[in-house]
C-alpha cells in the first residue's frame, strides 16, 4: 500500500512539474522573443532544455533517494516525461 502510494505521488508530482515547466517555458519564450514572435525551432529547443532539466531533477531525486527510491519508479517517470514532451511539444507543434 505504501509503495503504491509513493508511485502515485511521484507520478502526479512529475506530471505537475512538467506542467509548471511548460508554463515557465511560455514566459521565457515571451521574454526572449517578444509578443507574437515565437519561432518554431527556438521554442522547441527551449522546451527541450526544460525537459532535460526535469530528467536531471528526477535523476538527482533517485541518486539521493529522496522521493524516487527504486529504478522502476525512475524509469516510469522518465518515460512519462518523454511521452509528455513528445506529445505536447513535437506532435502538437507539427500540426
Protein backbone atom coordinates (compact mmCIF):
# COMPACT_ATOMS: atom_id res chain seq x y z
CA UNK A 1 0.00 0.00 0.00
CA UNK A 2 2.76 2.44 0.95
CA UNK A 3 4.76 1.61 -2.17
CA UNK A 4 1.71 2.15 -4.39
CA UNK A 5 1.05 5.49 -2.72
CA UNK A 6 4.66 6.56 -3.32
CA UNK A 7 4.36 5.56 -7.01
CA UNK A 8 1.15 7.57 -7.38
CA UNK A 9 2.58 10.60 -5.55
CA UNK A 10 5.78 10.62 -7.58
CA UNK A 11 3.85 10.25 -10.85
CA UNK A 12 1.43 13.07 -10.04
CA UNK A 13 4.28 15.34 -8.95
CA UNK A 14 6.18 14.50 -12.14
CA UNK A 15 3.21 15.49 -14.32
CA UNK A 16 2.73 18.65 -12.25
CA UNK A 17 6.40 19.52 -12.65
CA UNK A 18 6.07 19.12 -16.40
CA UNK A 19 3.05 21.47 -16.41
CA UNK A 20 4.96 24.01 -14.30
CA UNK A 21 7.97 23.87 -16.60
CA UNK A 22 5.67 24.30 -19.61
CA UNK A 23 4.26 27.49 -18.10
CA UNK A 24 7.74 28.78 -17.32
CA UNK A 25 8.77 27.87 -20.87
CA UNK A 26 6.00 30.06 -22.29
CA UNK A 27 7.08 33.03 -20.17
CA UNK A 28 10.74 32.61 -21.08
CA UNK A 29 9.78 32.32 -24.75
CA UNK A 30 7.72 35.51 -24.44
CA UNK A 31 10.54 37.39 -22.72
CA UNK A 32 13.17 36.18 -25.17
CA UNK A 33 11.34 36.74 -28.46
CA UNK A 34 8.62 39.25 -27.63
CA UNK A 35 4.90 39.24 -28.15
CA UNK A 36 3.71 37.04 -31.00
CA UNK A 37 7.21 36.46 -32.33
CA UNK A 38 7.66 32.85 -31.31
CA UNK A 39 9.96 30.84 -33.50
CA UNK A 40 9.32 27.15 -34.00
CA UNK A 41 12.86 25.86 -33.74
CA UNK A 42 13.94 28.08 -30.86
CA UNK A 43 10.84 27.30 -28.82
CA UNK A 44 11.43 23.60 -29.48
CA UNK A 45 14.98 23.88 -28.11
CA UNK A 46 13.76 25.88 -25.15
CA UNK A 47 11.18 23.20 -24.32
CA UNK A 48 13.85 20.54 -24.76
CA UNK A 49 16.08 22.33 -22.23
CA UNK A 50 13.28 22.33 -19.67
CA UNK A 51 12.66 18.64 -20.43
CA UNK A 52 16.34 17.89 -19.76
CA UNK A 53 16.13 19.87 -16.52
CA UNK A 54 13.19 17.73 -15.44
CA UNK A 55 15.05 14.50 -16.23
CA UNK A 56 18.09 15.77 -14.30
CA UNK A 57 15.86 16.55 -11.31
CA UNK A 58 14.44 13.01 -11.48
CA UNK A 59 17.96 11.55 -11.58
CA UNK A 60 19.00 13.71 -8.62
CA UNK A 61 15.98 12.54 -6.63
CA UNK A 62 16.86 8.94 -7.42
CA UNK A 63 20.53 9.38 -6.52
CA UNK A 64 19.70 10.98 -3.16
CA UNK A 65 16.79 8.53 -2.56
CA UNK A 66 14.50 11.42 -1.63
CA UNK A 67 11.24 10.53 -3.35
CA UNK A 68 12.24 8.05 -6.04
CA UNK A 69 13.75 5.06 -4.27
CA UNK A 70 13.76 2.30 -6.88
CA UNK A 71 14.77 2.03 -10.52
CA UNK A 72 11.29 1.05 -11.75
CA UNK A 73 9.82 4.32 -10.49
CA UNK A 74 12.65 6.30 -12.10
CA UNK A 75 12.11 4.58 -15.46
CA UNK A 76 8.35 5.12 -15.22
CA UNK A 77 8.74 8.83 -14.50
CA UNK A 78 11.33 9.35 -17.24
CA UNK A 79 9.05 7.58 -19.73
CA UNK A 80 6.14 9.78 -18.64
CA UNK A 81 8.26 12.90 -19.14
CA UNK A 82 9.39 11.67 -22.58
CA UNK A 83 5.80 10.91 -23.56
CA UNK A 84 4.55 14.31 -22.42
CA UNK A 85 7.38 16.08 -24.27
CA UNK A 86 6.81 14.11 -27.47
CA UNK A 87 3.06 14.68 -27.43
CA UNK A 88 2.79 18.31 -26.35
CA UNK A 89 5.92 19.72 -27.99
CA UNK A 90 6.75 17.60 -31.01
CA UNK A 91 3.36 16.26 -32.12
CA UNK A 92 1.16 19.27 -31.38
CA UNK A 93 3.65 21.81 -32.73
CA UNK A 94 3.86 19.98 -36.06
CA UNK A 95 0.05 20.09 -36.55
